[in-house]
Amino acid sequence: MHGSLNIWQILWESGAVVKIVLLLLLAASVLSWTIIFQKYKELKLMNEANDKFNQFFRTSSSLSEIHREAVENQDSTMSLMFRKGYEELNRVGEKLNNTKQGSITQHFAEHGFQALERALKTGYNTANEKMDVRVSTLASIGSITPFIGLFGTVWGIIDAFSGLSSGGGSIEAVAPGIAEALVATAIGLAAAIPAVWFFNIFNNQISRINSQMESFSQDFLNLIERSILIKKD
């Protein structure tokens, strides 16, 4: 009766190259799960903050009140966009007051809302930079680790069969080396699969937040236009 292979013993007795490969895969897996937990918490907090701010935005008609809420709600991407747009609106108003070039209503009637749109776009891009941090690392881990594991497998098989080339080898002598080599592939896949899975999940969540921000941009411009019409009337 043949004894079962002890995987831990096989890994402990593996060659230096395979051990380095396994350490790299282990480090990649730890990094991947660290990013996953951090990003999951970050996006969950961001979604909750967006829901809270969007609810306040829709129920309040006072720009100053909404701005105070936006300043307090720093986790919301929508509040970031609002702050950028509101600050640009104030800068335009201050410049018009200082230069005596007419009212803010007349300015937007003549030039449109391009300045506010650019400010909102700046907030949109800033929010996306924050959301995309470390997500691309998951994609890199998911695409690279299987090849690192495959390299360890190929190297281990070459090392295992090198003993047969000199003669006198047997399948019993080669089996531990093959098992060692295949473990590298298994660990590579174990590191890659969660990384790819959560990369897709986070991308879907970011796409959803982006759609909400695009809708919010239009709602903000509509609110400014209504406010200007009220002043004009």
Protein backbone atom coordinates (compact mmCIF):
# COMPACT_ATOMS: atom_id res chain seq x y z
CA MET A 1 0.00 0.00 0.00
CA HIS A 2 1.45 3.30 -1.08
CA GLY A 3 1.42 6.25 1.37
CA SER A 4 -0.27 9.45 0.32
CA LEU A 5 1.82 12.39 -0.75
CA ASN A 6 2.39 15.06 1.87
CA ILE A 7 1.88 18.35 0.02
CA TRP A 8 3.50 20.44 2.75
CA GLN A 9 6.55 18.20 2.77
CA ILE A 10 6.74 18.36 -1.02
CA LEU A 11 6.61 22.17 -0.96
CA TRP A 12 9.20 22.32 1.81
CA GLU A 13 11.55 20.11 -0.21
CA SER A 14 10.89 21.88 -3.50
CA GLY A 15 13.60 23.64 -5.44
CA ALA A 16 14.60 27.26 -4.91
CA VAL A 17 12.90 28.49 -8.10
CA VAL A 18 9.57 26.86 -7.23
CA LYS A 19 9.76 28.24 -3.68
CA ILE A 20 10.31 31.75 -5.05
CA VAL A 21 7.34 31.30 -7.37
CA LEU A 22 5.15 30.14 -4.50
CA LEU A 23 6.22 33.08 -2.33
CA LEU A 24 5.40 35.50 -5.16
CA LEU A 25 1.97 33.93 -5.57
CA LEU A 26 1.34 34.06 -1.83
CA ALA A 27 2.31 37.75 -1.73
CA ALA A 28 0.06 38.46 -4.73
CA SER A 29 -2.85 36.67 -3.05
CA VAL A 30 -2.40 38.60 0.22
CA LEU A 31 -2.23 41.89 -1.72
CA SER A 32 -5.30 40.93 -3.73
CA TRP A 33 -7.44 40.16 -0.68
CA THR A 34 -6.23 43.31 1.07
CA ILE A 35 -7.36 45.41 -1.91
CA ILE A 36 -10.65 43.51 -2.12
CA PHE A 37 -11.59 44.18 1.51
CA GLN A 38 -10.50 47.83 1.36
CA LYS A 39 -12.28 48.50 -1.94
CA TYR A 40 -15.45 46.72 -0.87
CA LYS A 41 -15.63 48.88 2.27
CA GLU A 42 -14.78 52.05 0.34
CA LEU A 43 -17.41 51.55 -2.38
CA LYS A 44 -20.07 50.55 0.14
CA LEU A 45 -19.42 53.74 2.11
CA MET A 46 -19.44 55.75 -1.12
CA ASN A 47 -22.79 54.33 -2.24
CA GLU A 48 -24.36 55.07 1.16
CA ALA A 49 -22.98 58.61 1.10
CA ASN A 50 -24.27 59.17 -2.45
CA ASP A 51 -27.76 57.97 -1.51
CA LYS A 52 -27.81 60.28 1.51
CA PHE A 53 -26.58 63.33 -0.40
CA ASN A 54 -28.80 62.72 -3.42
CA GLN A 55 -31.84 62.48 -1.14
CA PHE A 56 -30.92 65.80 0.49
CA PHE A 57 -30.27 67.38 -2.91
CA ARG A 58 -33.68 66.40 -4.22
CA THR A 59 -35.57 67.59 -1.15
CA SER A 60 -33.82 70.96 -0.75
CA SER A 61 -34.03 73.94 -3.08
CA SER A 62 -31.47 76.11 -1.27
CA LEU A 63 -28.01 76.01 -2.84
CA SER A 64 -26.34 77.19 0.37
CA GLU A 65 -27.99 74.42 2.39
CA ILE A 66 -27.01 71.81 -0.16
CA HIS A 67 -23.46 73.15 -0.13
CA ARG A 68 -23.26 72.81 3.66
CA GLU A 69 -24.41 69.20 3.34
CA ALA A 70 -21.86 68.63 0.56
CA VAL A 71 -19.06 69.95 2.75
CA GLU A 72 -20.07 67.63 5.59
CA ASN A 73 -20.54 64.60 3.32
CA GLN A 74 -16.99 64.13 2.05
CA ASP A 75 -17.45 60.46 1.11
CA SER A 76 -19.98 61.19 -1.63
CA THR A 77 -18.83 61.56 -5.23
CA MET A 78 -21.94 63.61 -5.95
CA SER A 79 -21.11 66.05 -3.15
CA LEU A 80 -17.66 66.44 -4.70
CA MET A 81 -19.23 67.35 -8.04
CA PHE A 82 -21.63 69.75 -6.33
CA ARG A 83 -18.79 71.51 -4.51
CA LYS A 84 -16.87 71.95 -7.76
CA GLY A 85 -19.92 73.35 -9.55
CA TYR A 86 -20.97 75.56 -6.65
CA GLU A 87 -17.46 76.99 -6.24
CA GLU A 88 -17.31 77.80 -9.95
CA LEU A 89 -20.73 79.45 -9.73
CA ASN A 90 -19.48 81.64 -6.88
CA ARG A 91 -16.29 82.53 -8.76
CA VAL A 92 -18.30 83.64 -11.77
CA GLY A 93 -20.57 85.72 -9.54
CA GLU A 94 -17.63 87.35 -7.74
CA LYS A 95 -15.91 88.21 -11.02
CA LEU A 96 -19.06 89.79 -12.40
CA ASN A 97 -19.51 91.84 -9.23
CA ASN A 98 -15.90 93.03 -9.26
CA THR A 99 -15.86 93.95 -12.96
CA LYS A 100 -19.42 95.33 -13.12
CA GLN A 101 -20.08 93.30 -16.28
CA GLY A 102 -23.71 92.57 -15.59
CA SER A 103 -25.71 90.08 -13.60
CA ILE A 104 -25.03 86.35 -13.34
CA THR A 105 -28.38 85.70 -15.02
CA GLN A 106 -27.31 87.73 -18.05
CA HIS A 107 -23.91 86.03 -18.11
CA PHE A 108 -25.33 82.52 -18.31
CA ALA A 109 -27.99 83.64 -20.78
CA GLU A 110 -25.24 84.88 -23.11
CA HIS A 111 -22.51 82.30 -22.54
CA GLY A 112 -24.39 79.19 -21.44
CA PHE A 113 -23.33 76.80 -18.69
CA GLN A 114 -20.03 75.63 -20.15
CA ALA A 115 -18.03 76.84 -17.13
CA LEU A 116 -20.24 74.89 -14.75
CA GLU A 117 -20.12 71.83 -17.00
CA ARG A 118 -16.31 71.92 -16.96
CA ALA A 119 -16.32 72.24 -13.16
CA LEU A 120 -18.68 69.28 -12.85
CA LYS A 121 -16.47 67.29 -15.23
CA THR A 122 -13.48 68.07 -13.03
CA GLY A 123 -15.33 66.68 -10.02
CA TYR A 124 -16.37 63.65 -12.08
CA ASN A 125 -12.78 62.93 -13.10
CA THR A 126 -11.47 63.43 -9.57
CA ALA A 127 -14.06 61.00 -8.22
CA ASN A 128 -13.14 58.43 -10.86
CA GLU A 129 -9.47 58.70 -10.02
CA LYS A 130 -10.34 57.93 -6.41
CA MET A 131 -12.59 55.00 -7.32
CA ASP A 132 -10.10 53.48 -9.74
CA VAL A 133 -7.24 53.43 -7.23
CA ARG A 134 -5.93 49.85 -6.82
CA VAL A 135 -8.69 48.32 -8.96
CA SER A 136 -6.29 47.98 -11.89
CA THR A 137 -3.93 46.13 -9.54
CA LEU A 138 -6.56 43.41 -9.21
CA ALA A 139 -6.64 43.09 -13.00
CA SER A 140 -2.86 42.79 -13.08
CA ILE A 141 -2.87 40.11 -10.38
CA GLY A 142 -5.63 38.22 -12.16
CA SER A 143 -3.76 38.20 -15.46
CA ILE A 144 -0.20 37.63 -14.22
CA THR A 145 -0.50 35.06 -11.42
CA PRO A 146 -1.66 32.15 -13.64
CA PHE A 147 1.44 32.62 -15.79
CA ILE A 148 3.68 32.80 -12.74
CA GLY A 149 2.12 29.55 -11.53
CA LEU A 150 2.53 28.03 -14.97
CA PHE A 151 6.19 29.01 -14.97
CA GLY A 152 6.62 27.23 -11.63
CA THR A 153 4.85 24.19 -13.04
CA VAL A 154 6.98 24.03 -16.16
CA TRP A 155 10.15 24.52 -14.15
CA GLY A 156 9.13 21.85 -11.65
CA ILE A 157 8.32 19.33 -14.40
CA ILE A 158 11.63 20.00 -16.13
CA ASP A 159 13.40 19.49 -12.81
CA ALA A 160 11.41 16.30 -12.10
CA PHE A 161 12.12 14.73 -15.48
CA SER A 162 15.77 15.73 -15.49
CA GLY A 163 16.38 12.77 -13.18
CA LEU A 164 14.96 10.39 -15.78
CA SER A 165 17.29 11.65 -18.47
CA SER A 166 20.28 10.17 -16.63
CA GLY A 167 18.60 6.78 -16.41
CA GLY A 168 17.52 4.72 -13.43
CA GLY A 169 14.51 6.91 -12.65
CA SER A 170 11.00 5.66 -11.91
CA ILE A 171 7.53 7.14 -11.75
CA GLU A 172 7.69 6.95 -7.94
CA ALA A 173 10.74 9.18 -8.00
CA VAL A 174 9.19 11.66 -10.45
CA ALA A 175 5.72 11.87 -8.85
CA PRO A 176 6.67 14.23 -6.00
CA GLY A 177 8.28 16.64 -8.46
CA ILE A 178 5.20 16.62 -10.69
CA ALA A 179 2.93 17.15 -7.69
CA GLU A 180 5.13 20.05 -6.59
CA ALA A 181 4.90 21.55 -10.07
CA LEU A 182 1.12 21.25 -10.29
CA VAL A 183 0.68 22.89 -6.89
CA ALA A 184 2.24 26.04 -8.36
CA THR A 185 -0.46 26.18 -11.04
CA ALA A 186 -3.19 25.56 -8.45
CA ILE A 187 -1.95 28.38 -6.22
CA GLY A 188 -1.63 30.68 -9.25
CA LEU A 189 -5.28 30.04 -10.12
CA ALA A 190 -6.32 30.46 -6.48
CA ALA A 191 -4.71 33.91 -6.50
CA ALA A 192 -6.12 34.89 -9.91
CA ILE A 193 -9.76 33.83 -9.64
CA PRO A 194 -10.80 36.09 -6.70
CA ALA A 195 -8.86 39.01 -8.20
CA VAL A 196 -10.67 38.73 -11.55
CA TRP A 197 -14.02 38.09 -9.89
CA PHE A 198 -13.90 41.18 -7.68
CA PHE A 199 -12.32 43.28 -10.43
CA ASN A 200 -15.48 42.72 -12.47
CA ILE A 201 -17.72 43.37 -9.45
CA PHE A 202 -15.96 46.64 -8.62
CA ASN A 203 -16.00 47.75 -12.26
CA ASN A 204 -19.76 47.20 -12.38
CA GLN A 205 -20.22 49.21 -9.19
CA ILE A 206 -18.02 52.03 -10.50
CA SER A 207 -19.98 52.08 -13.78
CA ARG A 208 -23.20 52.38 -11.80
CA ILE A 209 -21.80 55.27 -9.74
CA ASN A 210 -20.63 56.95 -12.95
CA SER A 211 -24.14 56.76 -14.38
CA GLN A 212 -25.52 58.29 -11.19
CA MET A 213 -22.95 61.10 -11.37
CA GLU A 214 -23.83 61.84 -15.00
CA SER A 215 -27.50 62.09 -14.04
CA PHE A 216 -26.59 64.27 -11.06
CA SER A 217 -24.66 66.61 -13.36
CA GLN A 218 -27.81 67.26 -15.36
CA ASP A 219 -29.88 67.68 -12.20
CA PHE A 220 -27.38 70.23 -10.89
CA LEU A 221 -27.51 72.28 -14.10
CA ASN A 222 -31.31 72.12 -14.04
CA LEU A 223 -31.32 73.40 -10.46
CA ILE A 224 -29.00 76.29 -11.38
CA GLU A 225 -31.14 77.15 -14.39
CA ARG A 226 -34.31 77.18 -12.30
CA SER A 227 -32.60 79.35 -9.69
CA ILE A 228 -31.52 81.82 -12.36
CA LEU A 229 -35.01 81.93 -13.88
CA ILE A 230 -36.45 82.66 -10.46
CA LYS A 231 -34.03 85.56 -10.01
CA LYS A 232 -34.86 86.83 -13.48
CA ASP A 233 -38.58 86.76 -12.79
